[in-house]
N, C-alpha and C. Protein backbone atom coordinates (compact mmCIF):
# COMPACT_ATOMS: atom_id res chain seq x y z
N UNK A 1 50.49 1.43 -76.15
CA UNK A 1 51.33 2.35 -75.39
C UNK A 1 50.48 3.22 -74.47
N UNK A 2 50.98 3.50 -73.31
CA UNK A 2 50.25 4.37 -72.39
C UNK A 2 50.24 5.79 -72.90
N UNK A 3 49.12 6.50 -72.70
CA UNK A 3 49.03 7.89 -73.13
C UNK A 3 49.24 8.86 -71.98
N UNK A 4 49.56 8.34 -70.79
CA UNK A 4 49.87 9.22 -69.68
C UNK A 4 51.20 9.90 -69.89
N UNK A 5 51.39 11.09 -69.32
CA UNK A 5 52.65 11.82 -69.50
C UNK A 5 53.80 11.13 -68.80
N UNK A 6 54.69 10.52 -69.55
CA UNK A 6 55.83 9.82 -68.98
C UNK A 6 57.10 10.38 -69.59
N UNK A 7 58.22 10.29 -68.87
CA UNK A 7 59.49 10.82 -69.40
C UNK A 7 59.86 10.25 -70.75
N UNK A 8 59.46 8.98 -71.02
CA UNK A 8 59.83 8.35 -72.30
C UNK A 8 59.27 9.12 -73.49
N UNK A 9 58.15 9.80 -73.29
CA UNK A 9 57.52 10.53 -74.38
C UNK A 9 57.65 12.04 -74.18
N UNK A 10 58.78 12.46 -73.63
CA UNK A 10 58.98 13.88 -73.37
C UNK A 10 59.56 14.61 -74.58
N UNK A 11 59.79 13.88 -75.69
CA UNK A 11 60.24 14.52 -76.93
C UNK A 11 59.02 14.91 -77.75
N UNK A 12 59.11 16.06 -78.41
CA UNK A 12 57.99 16.59 -79.18
C UNK A 12 58.48 16.98 -80.57
N UNK A 13 57.72 16.56 -81.60
CA UNK A 13 58.00 17.01 -82.96
C UNK A 13 56.95 18.05 -83.33
N UNK A 14 57.42 19.24 -83.71
CA UNK A 14 56.53 20.35 -84.04
C UNK A 14 56.56 20.59 -85.54
N UNK A 15 55.41 20.92 -86.11
CA UNK A 15 55.36 21.29 -87.52
C UNK A 15 54.31 22.37 -87.72
N UNK A 16 54.61 23.32 -88.60
CA UNK A 16 53.71 24.42 -88.92
C UNK A 16 53.42 24.45 -90.41
N UNK A 17 52.26 24.98 -90.75
CA UNK A 17 51.99 25.44 -92.11
C UNK A 17 51.82 26.95 -92.01
N UNK A 18 52.50 27.69 -92.86
CA UNK A 18 52.53 29.14 -92.76
C UNK A 18 52.33 29.79 -94.12
N UNK A 19 52.14 31.11 -94.09
CA UNK A 19 52.06 31.89 -95.33
C UNK A 19 53.20 32.89 -95.31
N UNK A 20 54.39 32.37 -95.10
CA UNK A 20 55.60 33.17 -95.06
C UNK A 20 56.74 32.30 -94.61
N UNK A 21 57.96 32.82 -94.75
CA UNK A 21 59.13 32.04 -94.37
C UNK A 21 59.99 32.75 -93.33
N UNK A 22 59.64 33.97 -92.96
CA UNK A 22 60.41 34.70 -91.97
C UNK A 22 59.94 34.40 -90.56
N UNK A 23 60.61 35.00 -89.58
CA UNK A 23 60.29 34.77 -88.18
C UNK A 23 58.88 35.26 -87.83
N UNK A 24 58.34 36.20 -88.62
CA UNK A 24 57.00 36.73 -88.34
C UNK A 24 55.95 36.15 -89.27
N UNK A 25 56.22 34.97 -89.85
CA UNK A 25 55.30 34.36 -90.81
C UNK A 25 53.93 34.09 -90.19
N UNK A 26 52.84 34.40 -90.92
CA UNK A 26 51.50 34.03 -90.44
C UNK A 26 51.36 32.51 -90.38
N UNK A 27 50.71 32.03 -89.35
CA UNK A 27 50.56 30.59 -89.12
C UNK A 27 49.14 30.16 -89.47
N UNK A 28 48.99 29.06 -90.23
CA UNK A 28 47.66 28.55 -90.55
C UNK A 28 47.39 27.18 -89.92
N UNK A 29 48.43 26.44 -89.56
CA UNK A 29 48.27 25.18 -88.85
C UNK A 29 49.42 24.99 -87.87
N UNK A 30 49.12 24.42 -86.71
CA UNK A 30 50.13 24.06 -85.71
C UNK A 30 49.88 22.62 -85.30
N UNK A 31 50.93 21.81 -85.35
CA UNK A 31 50.83 20.42 -84.89
C UNK A 31 52.03 20.06 -84.04
N UNK A 32 51.81 19.19 -83.08
CA UNK A 32 52.88 18.69 -82.24
C UNK A 32 52.56 17.24 -81.88
N UNK A 33 53.56 16.38 -81.97
CA UNK A 33 53.38 14.95 -81.71
C UNK A 33 54.44 14.49 -80.71
N UNK A 34 54.00 13.85 -79.63
CA UNK A 34 54.92 13.31 -78.65
C UNK A 34 55.50 11.99 -79.15
N UNK A 35 56.80 11.76 -78.86
CA UNK A 35 57.38 10.49 -79.25
C UNK A 35 58.52 10.10 -78.32
N UNK A 36 58.83 8.83 -78.36
CA UNK A 36 59.95 8.25 -77.61
C UNK A 36 61.08 8.05 -78.62
N UNK A 37 62.25 8.63 -78.39
CA UNK A 37 63.33 8.49 -79.36
C UNK A 37 63.67 7.05 -79.73
N UNK A 38 63.41 6.11 -78.83
CA UNK A 38 63.75 4.72 -79.09
C UNK A 38 62.52 3.85 -79.31
N UNK A 39 61.31 4.44 -79.24
CA UNK A 39 60.12 3.62 -79.32
C UNK A 39 59.05 4.08 -80.27
N UNK A 40 59.21 5.24 -80.90
CA UNK A 40 58.21 5.71 -81.85
C UNK A 40 57.20 6.65 -81.24
N UNK A 41 56.14 6.94 -82.02
CA UNK A 41 55.14 7.90 -81.59
C UNK A 41 54.10 7.23 -80.70
N UNK A 42 53.38 8.04 -79.93
CA UNK A 42 52.30 7.54 -79.11
C UNK A 42 51.08 7.26 -79.99
N UNK A 43 50.18 6.42 -79.47
CA UNK A 43 48.90 6.23 -80.15
C UNK A 43 48.16 7.56 -80.16
N UNK A 44 47.48 7.92 -81.26
CA UNK A 44 46.79 9.21 -81.33
C UNK A 44 45.83 9.41 -80.16
N UNK A 45 45.77 10.61 -79.67
CA UNK A 45 44.89 10.94 -78.56
C UNK A 45 45.20 12.33 -78.05
N UNK A 46 44.36 12.86 -77.17
CA UNK A 46 44.54 14.24 -76.70
C UNK A 46 45.81 14.48 -75.91
N UNK A 47 46.39 13.44 -75.31
CA UNK A 47 47.65 13.63 -74.59
C UNK A 47 48.86 13.34 -75.47
N UNK A 48 48.60 12.83 -76.67
CA UNK A 48 49.69 12.44 -77.57
C UNK A 48 49.94 13.46 -78.67
N UNK A 49 48.87 14.14 -79.10
CA UNK A 49 48.97 15.04 -80.25
C UNK A 49 48.23 16.35 -80.00
N UNK A 50 48.76 17.39 -80.63
CA UNK A 50 48.10 18.71 -80.63
C UNK A 50 47.98 19.13 -82.09
N UNK A 51 46.76 19.53 -82.50
CA UNK A 51 46.56 19.95 -83.90
C UNK A 51 45.48 21.02 -83.93
N UNK A 52 45.85 22.21 -84.41
CA UNK A 52 44.91 23.31 -84.51
C UNK A 52 45.13 24.07 -85.81
N UNK A 53 44.04 24.56 -86.38
CA UNK A 53 44.11 25.53 -87.45
C UNK A 53 44.08 26.92 -86.82
N UNK A 54 44.61 27.89 -87.54
CA UNK A 54 44.70 29.25 -87.01
C UNK A 54 44.00 30.22 -87.97
N UNK A 55 43.18 31.10 -87.41
CA UNK A 55 42.53 32.12 -88.22
C UNK A 55 43.59 33.07 -88.77
N UNK A 56 43.66 33.15 -90.08
CA UNK A 56 44.71 33.94 -90.72
C UNK A 56 44.58 35.42 -90.42
N UNK A 57 43.36 35.88 -90.14
CA UNK A 57 43.13 37.31 -89.89
C UNK A 57 43.11 37.64 -88.39
N UNK A 58 43.45 36.71 -87.54
CA UNK A 58 43.37 36.97 -86.10
C UNK A 58 44.51 37.88 -85.63
N UNK A 59 44.30 38.63 -84.55
CA UNK A 59 45.34 39.52 -84.01
C UNK A 59 46.61 38.75 -83.69
N UNK A 60 47.74 39.39 -83.97
CA UNK A 60 49.03 38.78 -83.69
C UNK A 60 49.68 38.11 -84.87
N UNK A 61 48.91 37.90 -85.95
CA UNK A 61 49.49 37.29 -87.14
C UNK A 61 50.43 38.28 -87.83
N UNK A 62 51.53 37.76 -88.38
CA UNK A 62 52.45 38.58 -89.13
C UNK A 62 51.95 38.84 -90.54
N UNK A 63 52.71 39.60 -91.33
CA UNK A 63 52.29 39.93 -92.70
C UNK A 63 52.40 38.74 -93.64
N UNK A 64 51.42 38.59 -94.51
CA UNK A 64 51.44 37.53 -95.52
C UNK A 64 52.55 37.81 -96.53
N UNK A 65 53.32 36.77 -96.84
CA UNK A 65 54.38 36.88 -97.83
C UNK A 65 53.82 36.55 -99.21
N UNK A 66 53.87 37.47 -100.17
CA UNK A 66 53.27 37.23 -101.48
C UNK A 66 53.81 35.98 -102.19
N UNK A 67 55.12 35.74 -102.10
CA UNK A 67 55.70 34.58 -102.78
C UNK A 67 55.17 33.28 -102.19
N UNK A 68 55.03 33.23 -100.88
CA UNK A 68 54.51 32.02 -100.24
C UNK A 68 53.04 31.84 -100.56
N UNK A 69 52.29 32.94 -100.61
CA UNK A 69 50.87 32.85 -100.98
C UNK A 69 50.73 32.30 -102.39
N UNK A 70 51.56 32.77 -103.32
CA UNK A 70 51.51 32.25 -104.69
C UNK A 70 51.85 30.76 -104.72
N UNK A 71 52.78 30.34 -103.87
CA UNK A 71 53.13 28.92 -103.79
C UNK A 71 51.91 28.11 -103.36
N UNK A 72 51.19 28.59 -102.35
CA UNK A 72 49.99 27.90 -101.90
C UNK A 72 48.94 27.86 -103.03
N UNK A 73 48.80 28.95 -103.77
CA UNK A 73 47.82 28.99 -104.85
C UNK A 73 48.16 28.01 -105.96
N UNK A 74 49.43 27.60 -106.05
CA UNK A 74 49.83 26.64 -107.06
C UNK A 74 49.57 25.19 -106.64
N UNK A 75 49.19 24.98 -105.37
CA UNK A 75 48.85 23.63 -104.91
C UNK A 75 47.48 23.23 -105.47
N UNK A 76 47.14 21.95 -105.34
CA UNK A 76 45.86 21.51 -105.87
C UNK A 76 44.70 22.05 -105.04
N UNK A 77 43.51 22.01 -105.61
CA UNK A 77 42.34 22.61 -104.97
C UNK A 77 42.01 21.95 -103.64
N UNK A 78 42.19 20.63 -103.54
CA UNK A 78 41.90 19.93 -102.28
C UNK A 78 42.78 20.44 -101.15
N UNK A 79 44.07 20.62 -101.44
CA UNK A 79 45.00 21.12 -100.43
C UNK A 79 44.65 22.53 -100.01
N UNK A 80 44.39 23.41 -100.96
CA UNK A 80 44.05 24.79 -100.63
C UNK A 80 42.79 24.87 -99.79
N UNK A 81 41.78 24.10 -100.17
CA UNK A 81 40.51 24.11 -99.43
C UNK A 81 40.71 23.59 -98.01
N UNK A 82 41.46 22.49 -97.89
CA UNK A 82 41.66 21.88 -96.58
C UNK A 82 42.44 22.79 -95.64
N UNK A 83 43.48 23.43 -96.15
CA UNK A 83 44.35 24.24 -95.29
C UNK A 83 43.72 25.59 -94.95
N UNK A 84 43.02 26.20 -95.91
CA UNK A 84 42.57 27.58 -95.71
C UNK A 84 41.08 27.75 -95.46
N UNK A 85 40.25 26.81 -95.93
CA UNK A 85 38.81 27.04 -95.88
C UNK A 85 38.06 26.12 -94.94
N UNK A 86 38.38 24.84 -94.95
CA UNK A 86 37.63 23.90 -94.12
C UNK A 86 37.85 24.19 -92.64
N UNK A 87 36.81 23.93 -91.85
CA UNK A 87 36.91 24.16 -90.41
C UNK A 87 36.33 22.96 -89.68
N UNK A 88 37.22 22.12 -89.15
CA UNK A 88 36.83 20.99 -88.31
C UNK A 88 35.95 19.99 -89.05
N UNK A 89 36.29 19.68 -90.28
CA UNK A 89 35.59 18.62 -91.01
C UNK A 89 36.59 17.92 -91.92
N UNK A 90 36.31 16.69 -92.23
CA UNK A 90 37.20 15.93 -93.10
C UNK A 90 38.60 15.79 -92.53
N UNK A 91 38.73 15.71 -91.19
CA UNK A 91 40.04 15.58 -90.57
C UNK A 91 40.75 16.89 -90.36
N UNK A 92 40.10 18.01 -90.67
CA UNK A 92 40.72 19.32 -90.47
C UNK A 92 40.60 19.72 -89.00
N UNK A 93 41.58 20.45 -88.50
CA UNK A 93 41.54 20.86 -87.10
C UNK A 93 40.60 22.05 -86.90
N UNK A 94 40.14 22.29 -85.67
CA UNK A 94 39.36 23.50 -85.41
C UNK A 94 40.22 24.73 -85.68
N UNK A 95 39.61 25.77 -86.24
CA UNK A 95 40.34 26.99 -86.58
C UNK A 95 40.04 28.05 -85.51
N UNK A 96 41.08 28.50 -84.84
CA UNK A 96 40.94 29.38 -83.68
C UNK A 96 41.84 30.61 -83.83
N UNK A 97 41.59 31.66 -83.03
CA UNK A 97 42.50 32.81 -83.01
C UNK A 97 43.91 32.38 -82.61
N UNK A 98 44.91 33.08 -83.12
CA UNK A 98 46.30 32.71 -82.88
C UNK A 98 46.62 32.59 -81.40
N UNK A 99 46.20 33.56 -80.61
CA UNK A 99 46.55 33.52 -79.18
C UNK A 99 45.96 32.30 -78.50
N UNK A 100 44.74 31.94 -78.84
CA UNK A 100 44.11 30.76 -78.24
C UNK A 100 44.90 29.49 -78.59
N UNK A 101 45.38 29.41 -79.81
CA UNK A 101 46.16 28.25 -80.23
C UNK A 101 47.47 28.18 -79.46
N UNK A 102 48.13 29.31 -79.30
CA UNK A 102 49.41 29.34 -78.59
C UNK A 102 49.23 28.99 -77.12
N UNK A 103 48.17 29.48 -76.51
CA UNK A 103 47.88 29.13 -75.12
C UNK A 103 47.62 27.62 -75.01
N UNK A 104 46.86 27.08 -75.97
CA UNK A 104 46.59 25.64 -75.97
C UNK A 104 47.85 24.81 -76.13
N UNK A 105 48.74 25.24 -77.01
CA UNK A 105 50.00 24.51 -77.21
C UNK A 105 50.85 24.55 -75.95
N UNK A 106 50.89 25.69 -75.27
CA UNK A 106 51.66 25.80 -74.03
C UNK A 106 51.11 24.84 -72.98
N UNK A 107 49.77 24.77 -72.86
CA UNK A 107 49.16 23.86 -71.89
C UNK A 107 49.46 22.40 -72.24
N UNK A 108 49.41 22.08 -73.53
CA UNK A 108 49.72 20.72 -73.98
C UNK A 108 51.16 20.35 -73.63
N UNK A 109 52.09 21.25 -73.90
CA UNK A 109 53.50 20.98 -73.63
C UNK A 109 53.76 20.84 -72.14
N UNK A 110 53.10 21.65 -71.35
CA UNK A 110 53.27 21.58 -69.90
C UNK A 110 52.74 20.25 -69.38
N UNK A 111 51.55 19.85 -69.85
CA UNK A 111 50.97 18.59 -69.41
C UNK A 111 51.79 17.39 -69.82
N UNK A 112 52.47 17.49 -70.95
CA UNK A 112 53.28 16.39 -71.45
C UNK A 112 54.69 16.39 -70.86
N UNK A 113 55.01 17.39 -70.08
CA UNK A 113 56.36 17.53 -69.49
C UNK A 113 57.43 17.43 -70.58
N UNK A 114 57.24 18.21 -71.62
CA UNK A 114 58.15 18.18 -72.77
C UNK A 114 59.53 18.71 -72.37
N UNK A 115 60.56 17.97 -72.76
CA UNK A 115 61.92 18.39 -72.47
C UNK A 115 62.72 18.73 -73.70
N UNK A 116 62.34 18.17 -74.85
CA UNK A 116 63.08 18.36 -76.09
C UNK A 116 62.09 18.64 -77.21
N UNK A 117 62.36 19.68 -78.00
CA UNK A 117 61.43 20.10 -79.06
C UNK A 117 62.14 20.02 -80.40
N UNK A 118 61.72 19.07 -81.23
CA UNK A 118 62.28 18.87 -82.55
C UNK A 118 61.45 19.62 -83.59
N UNK A 119 62.10 20.02 -84.68
CA UNK A 119 61.40 20.59 -85.82
C UNK A 119 62.29 20.47 -87.04
N UNK A 120 61.70 20.75 -88.21
CA UNK A 120 62.41 20.59 -89.48
C UNK A 120 62.43 21.92 -90.24
N UNK A 121 63.14 22.90 -89.76
CA UNK A 121 64.14 22.91 -88.70
C UNK A 121 63.67 23.88 -87.61
N UNK A 122 64.26 23.81 -86.40
CA UNK A 122 63.84 24.70 -85.32
C UNK A 122 64.06 26.17 -85.63
N UNK A 123 65.01 26.49 -86.51
CA UNK A 123 65.20 27.88 -86.90
C UNK A 123 63.99 28.41 -87.67
N UNK A 124 63.15 27.52 -88.16
CA UNK A 124 61.90 27.91 -88.82
C UNK A 124 60.74 27.79 -87.84
N UNK A 125 60.28 26.56 -87.57
CA UNK A 125 59.06 26.34 -86.79
C UNK A 125 59.15 26.92 -85.38
N UNK A 126 60.18 26.55 -84.65
CA UNK A 126 60.27 26.99 -83.26
C UNK A 126 60.47 28.49 -83.15
N UNK A 127 61.24 29.06 -84.08
CA UNK A 127 61.45 30.51 -84.07
C UNK A 127 60.15 31.25 -84.35
N UNK A 128 59.38 30.78 -85.33
CA UNK A 128 58.10 31.41 -85.65
C UNK A 128 57.16 31.34 -84.45
N UNK A 129 57.11 30.20 -83.78
CA UNK A 129 56.26 30.07 -82.59
C UNK A 129 56.72 30.99 -81.47
N UNK A 130 58.01 31.09 -81.26
CA UNK A 130 58.52 31.97 -80.20
C UNK A 130 58.17 33.43 -80.48
N UNK A 131 58.32 33.84 -81.75
CA UNK A 131 58.01 35.23 -82.10
C UNK A 131 56.51 35.50 -81.97
N UNK A 132 55.69 34.52 -82.36
CA UNK A 132 54.24 34.68 -82.22
C UNK A 132 53.85 34.76 -80.75
N UNK A 133 54.51 33.97 -79.91
CA UNK A 133 54.23 34.00 -78.47
C UNK A 133 54.57 35.37 -77.89
N UNK A 134 55.64 35.97 -78.36
CA UNK A 134 56.01 37.31 -77.89
C UNK A 134 54.95 38.32 -78.30
N UNK A 135 54.53 38.28 -79.58
CA UNK A 135 53.54 39.24 -80.07
C UNK A 135 52.22 39.11 -79.32
N UNK A 136 51.87 37.87 -78.97
CA UNK A 136 50.56 37.62 -78.33
C UNK A 136 50.65 37.61 -76.81
N UNK A 137 51.84 37.79 -76.26
CA UNK A 137 51.99 37.83 -74.82
C UNK A 137 51.74 36.50 -74.13
N UNK A 138 52.12 35.39 -74.77
CA UNK A 138 51.92 34.06 -74.18
C UNK A 138 53.26 33.60 -73.60
N UNK A 139 53.55 34.08 -72.41
CA UNK A 139 54.85 33.80 -71.80
C UNK A 139 55.04 32.31 -71.49
N UNK A 140 53.95 31.60 -71.23
CA UNK A 140 54.07 30.18 -70.92
C UNK A 140 54.63 29.41 -72.10
N UNK A 141 54.26 29.81 -73.31
CA UNK A 141 54.80 29.14 -74.49
C UNK A 141 56.24 29.54 -74.73
N UNK A 142 56.57 30.81 -74.49
CA UNK A 142 57.97 31.25 -74.61
C UNK A 142 58.86 30.42 -73.69
N UNK A 143 58.38 30.16 -72.48
CA UNK A 143 59.15 29.35 -71.53
C UNK A 143 59.26 27.91 -72.00
N UNK A 144 58.16 27.35 -72.51
CA UNK A 144 58.16 25.96 -72.95
C UNK A 144 59.07 25.76 -74.17
N UNK A 145 59.21 26.80 -74.99
CA UNK A 145 60.03 26.73 -76.20
C UNK A 145 61.41 27.34 -75.99
N UNK A 146 61.89 27.35 -74.75
CA UNK A 146 63.21 27.90 -74.46
C UNK A 146 64.24 27.25 -75.39
N UNK A 147 65.02 28.05 -76.10
CA UNK A 147 65.79 27.54 -77.24
C UNK A 147 66.79 26.43 -76.92
N UNK A 148 67.34 26.28 -75.69
CA UNK A 148 68.22 25.13 -75.46
C UNK A 148 67.53 23.77 -75.65
N UNK A 149 66.19 23.77 -75.70
CA UNK A 149 65.46 22.51 -75.92
C UNK A 149 65.39 22.15 -77.40
N UNK A 150 65.77 23.05 -78.30
CA UNK A 150 65.65 22.82 -79.74
C UNK A 150 66.53 21.66 -80.20
N UNK A 151 65.96 20.84 -81.08
CA UNK A 151 66.73 19.82 -81.78
C UNK A 151 66.32 19.87 -83.24
N UNK A 152 67.27 19.61 -84.16
CA UNK A 152 67.02 19.78 -85.59
C UNK A 152 66.81 18.44 -86.29
N UNK A 153 65.58 18.20 -86.71
CA UNK A 153 65.29 16.97 -87.46
C UNK A 153 65.93 17.01 -88.84
N UNK A 154 66.05 18.18 -89.43
CA UNK A 154 66.65 18.28 -90.76
C UNK A 154 68.08 17.73 -90.75
N UNK A 155 68.85 18.08 -89.71
CA UNK A 155 70.22 17.58 -89.58
C UNK A 155 70.22 16.08 -89.32
N UNK A 156 69.32 15.63 -88.44
CA UNK A 156 69.24 14.20 -88.13
C UNK A 156 68.88 13.40 -89.38
N UNK A 157 67.94 13.90 -90.17
CA UNK A 157 67.54 13.21 -91.39
C UNK A 157 68.71 13.09 -92.36
N UNK A 158 69.50 14.14 -92.49
CA UNK A 158 70.68 14.09 -93.38
C UNK A 158 71.67 13.04 -92.88
N UNK A 159 71.85 12.96 -91.56
CA UNK A 159 72.73 11.94 -91.00
C UNK A 159 72.20 10.55 -91.32
N UNK A 160 70.88 10.37 -91.20
CA UNK A 160 70.29 9.08 -91.52
C UNK A 160 70.53 8.68 -92.97
N UNK A 161 70.44 9.65 -93.87
CA UNK A 161 70.70 9.36 -95.28
C UNK A 161 72.16 8.96 -95.49
N UNK A 162 73.07 9.66 -94.82
CA UNK A 162 74.50 9.34 -94.94
C UNK A 162 74.79 7.92 -94.48
N UNK A 163 74.02 7.45 -93.50
CA UNK A 163 74.22 6.11 -92.94
C UNK A 163 73.31 5.07 -93.59
N UNK A 164 72.59 5.47 -94.64
CA UNK A 164 71.68 4.56 -95.37
C UNK A 164 70.61 3.96 -94.47
N UNK A 165 70.09 4.78 -93.55
CA UNK A 165 68.99 4.35 -92.69
C UNK A 165 67.69 4.67 -93.42
N UNK A 166 66.90 3.64 -93.71
CA UNK A 166 65.69 3.81 -94.52
C UNK A 166 64.63 4.59 -93.76
N UNK A 167 63.96 5.49 -94.48
CA UNK A 167 62.84 6.23 -93.90
C UNK A 167 61.60 5.35 -93.88
N UNK A 168 60.84 5.36 -92.77
CA UNK A 168 59.61 4.57 -92.74
C UNK A 168 58.60 5.11 -93.74
N UNK A 169 57.80 4.24 -94.31
CA UNK A 169 56.76 4.68 -95.23
C UNK A 169 55.69 5.48 -94.51
N UNK A 170 54.95 6.31 -95.24
CA UNK A 170 53.92 7.13 -94.60
C UNK A 170 52.81 6.29 -94.01
N UNK A 171 52.18 6.79 -92.97
CA UNK A 171 51.04 6.12 -92.37
C UNK A 171 49.84 6.19 -93.31
N UNK A 172 48.89 5.26 -93.17
CA UNK A 172 47.66 5.33 -93.99
C UNK A 172 46.97 6.68 -93.79
N UNK A 173 46.50 7.26 -94.88
CA UNK A 173 45.81 8.54 -94.80
C UNK A 173 46.71 9.75 -94.77
N UNK A 174 48.01 9.54 -94.96
CA UNK A 174 48.95 10.68 -94.95
C UNK A 174 48.59 11.68 -96.05
N UNK A 175 48.60 12.97 -95.69
CA UNK A 175 48.29 14.02 -96.65
C UNK A 175 49.43 15.03 -96.71
N UNK A 176 49.79 15.44 -97.91
CA UNK A 176 50.85 16.44 -98.07
C UNK A 176 50.37 17.80 -97.58
N UNK A 177 51.31 18.58 -97.07
CA UNK A 177 51.03 19.93 -96.60
C UNK A 177 49.96 19.92 -95.51
N UNK A 178 50.10 18.97 -94.60
CA UNK A 178 49.22 18.85 -93.44
C UNK A 178 50.15 18.76 -92.23
N UNK A 179 50.05 19.73 -91.32
CA UNK A 179 51.01 19.82 -90.23
C UNK A 179 51.03 18.56 -89.36
N UNK A 180 49.85 17.99 -89.07
CA UNK A 180 49.83 16.81 -88.22
C UNK A 180 50.45 15.60 -88.92
N UNK A 181 50.12 15.39 -90.18
CA UNK A 181 50.71 14.28 -90.93
C UNK A 181 52.23 14.42 -90.99
N UNK A 182 52.69 15.63 -91.24
CA UNK A 182 54.14 15.85 -91.32
C UNK A 182 54.81 15.63 -89.97
N UNK A 183 54.19 16.11 -88.89
CA UNK A 183 54.77 15.93 -87.56
C UNK A 183 54.85 14.46 -87.19
N UNK A 184 53.79 13.71 -87.50
CA UNK A 184 53.80 12.27 -87.24
C UNK A 184 54.93 11.57 -88.00
N UNK A 185 55.03 11.87 -89.30
CA UNK A 185 56.03 11.21 -90.13
C UNK A 185 57.44 11.57 -89.67
N UNK A 186 57.67 12.83 -89.35
CA UNK A 186 58.99 13.26 -88.90
C UNK A 186 59.35 12.62 -87.57
N UNK A 187 58.39 12.50 -86.66
CA UNK A 187 58.65 11.87 -85.36
C UNK A 187 58.99 10.39 -85.55
N UNK A 188 58.26 9.70 -86.41
CA UNK A 188 58.54 8.30 -86.69
C UNK A 188 59.93 8.13 -87.30
N UNK A 189 60.25 8.99 -88.23
CA UNK A 189 61.55 8.91 -88.90
C UNK A 189 62.67 9.20 -87.92
N UNK A 190 62.50 10.22 -87.08
CA UNK A 190 63.52 10.55 -86.07
C UNK A 190 63.76 9.38 -85.14
N UNK A 191 62.67 8.73 -84.72
CA UNK A 191 62.79 7.59 -83.82
C UNK A 191 63.55 6.44 -84.47
N UNK A 192 63.29 6.19 -85.75
CA UNK A 192 64.01 5.12 -86.46
C UNK A 192 65.50 5.41 -86.48
N UNK A 193 65.87 6.64 -86.80
CA UNK A 193 67.29 6.99 -86.87
C UNK A 193 67.95 6.90 -85.50
N UNK A 194 67.29 7.47 -84.48
CA UNK A 194 67.88 7.47 -83.14
C UNK A 194 67.98 6.05 -82.59
N UNK A 195 67.00 5.21 -82.88
CA UNK A 195 67.05 3.81 -82.43
C UNK A 195 68.19 3.07 -83.14
N UNK A 196 68.38 3.33 -84.42
CA UNK A 196 69.48 2.69 -85.16
C UNK A 196 70.82 3.13 -84.62
N UNK A 197 70.95 4.42 -84.34
CA UNK A 197 72.21 4.93 -83.78
C UNK A 197 72.50 4.30 -82.42
N UNK A 198 71.43 4.14 -81.60
CA UNK A 198 71.62 3.52 -80.29
C UNK A 198 72.07 2.07 -80.43
N UNK A 199 71.52 1.35 -81.42
CA UNK A 199 71.93 -0.03 -81.66
C UNK A 199 73.37 -0.10 -82.13
N UNK A 200 73.75 0.83 -83.00
CA UNK A 200 75.14 0.87 -83.48
C UNK A 200 76.10 1.15 -82.33
N UNK A 201 75.71 2.05 -81.45
CA UNK A 201 76.55 2.37 -80.30
C UNK A 201 76.72 1.18 -79.39
N UNK A 202 75.60 0.47 -79.13
CA UNK A 202 75.66 -0.69 -78.25
C UNK A 202 76.55 -1.80 -78.83
N UNK A 203 76.56 -1.89 -80.17
CA UNK A 203 77.35 -2.95 -80.82
C UNK A 203 78.86 -2.68 -80.71
N UNK A 204 79.23 -1.42 -80.45
CA UNK A 204 80.66 -1.09 -80.36
C UNK A 204 81.18 -1.16 -78.94
N UNK A 205 80.27 -1.33 -77.97
CA UNK A 205 80.70 -1.36 -76.56
C UNK A 205 81.25 -2.74 -76.22
């Protein structure tokens, strides 16, 4: 598949790892994966995917939620180390200040000519990103995440289950509680459901 910015890949699946569940939740990972609703995800590359770790103590971060922190502490040691301690090794993303990450995501979305932003669900991921963009003064990201572009993967996934549309198996190397792995899997799953729905529609015409 071509990695140039084309309208076919103007859909984006966003996923975050956070230390909170509210609109002001601190962000520790940001991932976004471009995909074609009828053709799947792009081959990995700088124009296809965005993945960054975020410094938890950087300016603009919201307050840590104690219950969410305890949840993270209950995960296995490998997950905790990878998400919170490792920096750009073992497949971990570079860890940068929040504002730098938001500026980078805005540039990525602009370059990809993103028109639709999916998340699981946008009331969580997209809302947290919009609020962080406001706090950090990143107007370009606020514009790129304009809420009419939101689409809900959680709702789409439920529809797929109702229609008995099988979820694709995880890609090799998939890791739990990893924003990029989750974004890839969700984008693949969304594409399978949307492609099946398109086939069903065509069969009724």
